[in-house]
Amino acid sequence: GMEQLLNTLEQSNIAWGVVTNKPGWLTKPLMQQLQLEQRAGCVVSGDTLPQSKPHPAPMLHACHQTGSTPAECIYIGDAQRDIEAGHAAGMKTLVALFGYIGKQDKPEQWGADGMIKEPQEILAHIGLSPVSGK
C-alpha cells in the first residue's frame, strides 16, 4: 500500500510530505520509527508554526519547503480540518477513508475533491501508474 505509493512518487521525482497537527515531539520519533524522516520532502508539525490546520499556513509552509505551488499539490487527509486547510491554501484535496475517520464523521460532506479507499488510488489523481521495487 503506502510503501509502493511512496516508491512510485519518489521514482517519478514527485515530492511528498507530511503536515500534521501532532506536536513535533510526537511527529519526529514516529517519522524516524517508520523510516520516513529522510524520505519526506517536508514534515510540518502542529507546533512548527504559530498556526495549525485548518489554517492554511502549514500547507503553504510545506509548499515552500518542497518548492511546489499549492496548485501543484494534492492534500490527503482524514479529518474535515485537513480538507478545509487544503482548500484554504488552494490545493486539491482527497479524503483518506483508510485514516482515522469516526463513525459519526461524514466525509462526503467535507467538500473534498475526491475520496480514496487505499493509498494507491492517489496515483490515478496525478496520472501515474505504480512502479515496483525500491
Foldseek 3Di string as FASTA:
>chain_A
DVVLLLVQCVVVVHAAAAAEQADPVVVVVVCVVVVNPVVHLDYHYNPNDPHHFPALVSVVVSCVSNVHQQDVDEFEEADLRSQNNSVNRPHQYEYAPCDPHDPPDDVVPSPHPYYDPDDQVVCVVVVDHTDDDD
